[in-house]
Protein backbone atom coordinates (compact mmCIF):
# COMPACT_ATOMS: atom_id res chain seq x y z
CA MET A 1 -1.12 31.10 -0.18
CA LYS A 2 -3.73 28.89 1.48
CA LYS A 3 -2.69 26.82 4.45
CA PHE A 4 -3.46 23.10 4.20
CA THR A 5 -5.37 21.53 7.03
CA SER A 6 -5.15 17.79 7.53
CA THR A 7 -8.55 17.39 5.82
CA ARG A 8 -7.36 19.41 2.83
CA LYS A 9 -4.17 17.33 2.70
CA VAL A 10 -6.24 14.14 2.59
CA ALA A 11 -8.52 15.60 -0.10
CA TYR A 12 -5.48 16.66 -2.15
CA ALA A 13 -3.82 13.26 -1.75
CA LEU A 14 -7.05 11.50 -2.74
CA THR A 15 -7.46 13.71 -5.81
CA VAL A 16 -3.90 12.98 -6.90
CA LEU A 17 -4.16 9.26 -6.18
CA SER A 18 -7.58 8.80 -7.77
CA THR A 19 -6.60 10.77 -10.86
CA ALA A 20 -3.34 8.89 -11.23
CA LEU A 21 -4.71 5.43 -10.67
CA MET A 22 -7.73 5.87 -12.96
CA LEU A 23 -9.55 3.01 -11.28
CA PRO A 24 -13.13 4.19 -10.73
CA THR A 25 -14.31 1.10 -8.83
CA SER A 26 -11.07 0.39 -7.04
CA GLY A 27 -8.92 2.00 -4.41
CA CYS A 28 -5.41 2.17 -3.15
CA MET A 29 -3.27 1.10 -0.21
CA TYR A 30 -0.86 4.02 0.14
CA SER A 31 0.81 2.85 3.33
CA PRO A 32 3.04 1.01 3.51
CA TYR A 33 4.64 2.10 0.26
CA ASN A 34 6.98 -0.13 -1.76
CA ASP A 35 10.39 -0.66 -0.10
CA GLN A 36 9.36 1.07 3.13
CA ILE A 37 11.88 0.41 5.90
CA TYR A 38 10.98 -0.23 9.55
CA ALA A 39 13.22 0.00 12.61
CA SER A 40 12.82 -3.72 13.32
CA LYS A 41 10.62 -6.67 12.42
CA TYR A 42 8.80 -5.99 15.70
CA SER A 43 7.67 -2.53 14.57
CA ALA A 44 3.96 -1.97 14.03
CA VAL A 45 3.07 -1.51 10.37
CA ALA A 46 0.32 1.00 9.54
CA PHE A 47 -1.95 -0.04 6.69
CA ASN A 48 -3.77 2.95 5.19
CA GLY A 49 -5.78 3.40 2.05
CA PHE A 50 -9.12 4.21 0.51
CA VAL A 51 -11.87 2.37 -1.35
CA LYS A 52 -15.05 3.34 -3.19
CA ALA A 53 -17.50 1.76 -0.74
CA PRO A 54 -18.53 2.56 2.85
CA ASN A 55 -18.11 -0.10 5.52
CA ALA A 56 -16.31 -2.36 3.04
CA LEU A 57 -14.42 -5.35 4.35
CA VAL A 58 -10.69 -4.86 3.71
CA GLU A 59 -8.29 -7.80 3.99
CA ILE A 60 -4.54 -7.35 4.39
CA TYR A 61 -2.31 -10.29 3.45
CA VAL A 62 1.34 -10.98 4.22
CA GLN A 63 3.68 -13.22 2.30
CA SER A 64 4.42 -16.71 3.55
CA TRP A 65 7.80 -18.02 2.45
CA PRO A 66 7.38 -21.62 1.29
CA LYS A 67 10.09 -23.95 2.50
CA GLY A 68 11.82 -20.96 4.14
CA ASP A 69 13.27 -19.92 0.79
CA CYS A 70 13.34 -16.13 0.44
CA ALA A 71 14.04 -16.33 -3.26
CA VAL A 72 10.79 -18.15 -4.04
CA VAL A 73 8.38 -15.63 -5.53
CA GLY A 74 5.57 -16.05 -8.03
CA THR A 75 3.55 -19.23 -8.33
CA GLU A 76 5.24 -20.71 -5.26
CA THR A 77 4.40 -17.65 -3.16
CA GLU A 78 1.70 -18.13 -0.60
CA TRP A 79 -0.23 -15.44 1.23
CA GLU A 80 -1.62 -15.48 4.76
CA LEU A 81 -4.41 -13.28 6.03
CA LEU A 82 -2.77 -10.81 8.42
CA LEU A 83 -5.80 -8.75 9.45
CA THR A 84 -9.21 -7.46 8.46
CA THR A 85 -10.64 -4.01 8.87
CA TYR A 86 -13.49 -1.95 7.44
CA SER A 87 -13.57 1.29 5.52
CA ASN A 88 -15.17 4.32 7.17
CA ASP A 89 -18.87 4.96 6.75
CA THR A 90 -18.30 8.69 6.26
CA PRO A 91 -16.77 9.68 2.94
CA THR A 92 -13.85 11.97 2.29
CA VAL A 93 -14.63 13.92 -0.84
CA ASP A 94 -11.81 14.81 -3.21
CA TRP A 95 -11.67 18.07 -5.15
CA GLU A 96 -13.49 16.50 -8.07
CA GLY A 97 -16.44 15.50 -5.86
CA THR A 98 -15.62 11.78 -5.76
CA GLU A 99 -16.40 10.07 -2.46
CA TRP A 100 -13.70 7.84 -0.95
CA TYR A 101 -13.85 5.80 2.23
CA LEU A 102 -10.63 5.56 4.19
CA PHE A 103 -9.38 2.52 6.07
CA HIS A 104 -6.67 2.20 8.67
CA ALA A 105 -5.25 -0.66 10.71
CA THR A 106 -1.96 -1.29 12.49
CA LYS A 107 -0.31 -4.61 13.25
CA VAL A 108 3.09 -6.15 13.88
CA VAL A 109 3.91 -8.65 11.12
CA PRO A 110 4.66 -12.04 12.76
CA SER A 111 8.35 -13.04 12.83
CA ALA A 112 7.61 -16.13 10.74
CA ASN A 113 6.56 -13.91 7.82
CA TRP A 114 9.88 -12.04 7.64
CA CYS A 115 12.67 -13.53 5.58
CA SER A 116 16.32 -12.85 6.38
CA VAL A 117 18.15 -11.52 3.32
CA PRO A 118 21.67 -10.18 2.76
CA ALA A 119 21.94 -6.40 3.18
CA GLY A 120 18.74 -5.14 1.62
CA PRO A 121 17.58 -1.54 1.98
CA GLY A 122 17.08 -2.02 5.71
CA GLY A 123 20.40 -3.73 6.36
CA THR A 124 23.96 -2.67 6.80
CA PRO A 125 26.67 -3.40 4.23
CA GLY A 126 27.83 -6.96 4.75
CA GLY A 127 24.97 -7.54 7.18
CA THR A 128 21.41 -8.72 6.88
CA SER A 129 17.93 -7.28 6.86
CA TYR A 130 14.43 -8.72 6.84
CA LYS A 131 11.94 -8.60 3.97
CA THR A 132 8.33 -9.51 3.33
CA HIS A 133 5.50 -8.46 1.01
CA VAL A 134 2.00 -7.24 1.85
CA THR A 135 -1.09 -6.78 -0.30
CA ALA A 136 -4.70 -5.74 0.24
CA ARG A 137 -8.11 -6.27 -1.30
CA TYR A 138 -11.64 -5.21 -0.49
CA LYS A 139 -15.11 -6.68 -0.93
CA HIS A 140 -17.32 -4.73 -3.32
CA GLY A 141 -20.69 -6.44 -3.68
CA ASN A 142 -19.90 -10.08 -4.44
CA SER A 143 -16.45 -9.34 -5.85
CA TRP A 144 -13.00 -8.94 -4.35
CA ILE A 145 -10.96 -6.06 -5.76
CA ASN A 146 -7.18 -5.89 -5.39
CA LEU A 147 -5.96 -2.50 -4.25
CA GLY A 148 -3.28 -0.58 -6.10
CA THR A 149 -0.07 0.41 -4.32
CA VAL A 150 2.42 3.24 -4.56
CA GLU A 151 6.15 3.91 -4.52
CA LYS A 152 7.87 6.05 -1.90
CA ASN A 153 8.14 9.00 -4.25
CA PHE A 154 4.55 8.89 -5.51
CA MET A 155 3.41 12.32 -4.26
CA SER A 156 6.52 14.14 -5.48
CA CYS A 157 6.27 12.36 -8.84
CA ALA A 158 2.59 13.27 -9.15
CA GLN A 159 3.29 16.93 -8.36
CA GLN A 160 5.92 17.03 -11.13
CA GLN A 161 3.26 16.03 -13.69
CA ASN A 162 1.49 19.42 -13.31
CA GLY A 163 -1.99 17.94 -12.90
CA ASP A 164 -1.80 15.83 -16.07
CA GLY A 165 -3.73 12.69 -15.08
CA TRP A 166 -2.35 10.54 -17.89
CA ALA A 167 1.22 11.57 -17.06
CA MET A 168 0.61 10.65 -13.41
CA TYR A 169 -0.94 7.34 -14.46
CA ASN A 170 1.97 6.49 -16.77
CA ASN A 171 4.86 7.78 -14.66
CA CYS A 172 3.98 7.50 -10.98
CA ARG A 173 1.98 4.38 -10.14
CA ARG A 174 3.33 0.92 -9.47
CA THR A 175 2.96 -1.25 -12.54
CA GLY A 176 3.62 -4.80 -13.59
CA ALA A 177 2.80 -8.20 -12.19
CA GLY A 178 3.65 -7.22 -8.62
CA SER A 179 1.90 -3.85 -8.55
CA HIS A 180 -0.73 -4.98 -6.06
CA ALA A 181 1.88 -5.93 -3.46
CA VAL A 182 4.66 -3.97 -1.81
CA ALA A 183 7.97 -5.12 -0.35
CA ILE A 184 8.64 -3.94 3.19
CA TRP A 185 11.94 -4.16 4.99
CA ALA A 186 13.08 -4.25 8.60
CA LYS A 187 16.47 -3.49 10.06
CA PRO A 188 18.11 -6.29 12.04
């Protein structure tokens, strides 16, 4: 059995993600994943992903809660630019020969962007937790492309599909209207 090095792990993850997402001109923000829980709202959040272009401008947005109402989502939801970063100029090549350019940035989400909610995944029964949403996009030529996102169990789900790209695409990616944003939680 071959031992994975960190480079091989990245190549494997990229192969699985690129096959599953089937988005040849897009990319993916794989961290944070949907419903990821942090120790507190003062914890640094790592934003990791990959895009199809070197030195591409990547923008990370955080949800702004209009009128302080945590239940307001959809057309009333506003987004604030949290940070910008750039993808690497050196590609990581997946097992199919596709070149991907990784990005990484870390930042503490401002307190004003967290909403206090009753006992969500990060809270204690009868207590509270904090919630927000984040999303990312990157500049490709003159266009902005929203990045896909993943669930916590994405890699284990993808492995269960036995390399079947369509099964991964149908069963493991985030879908629906909110698939380009993830909810993140913080313990009180």
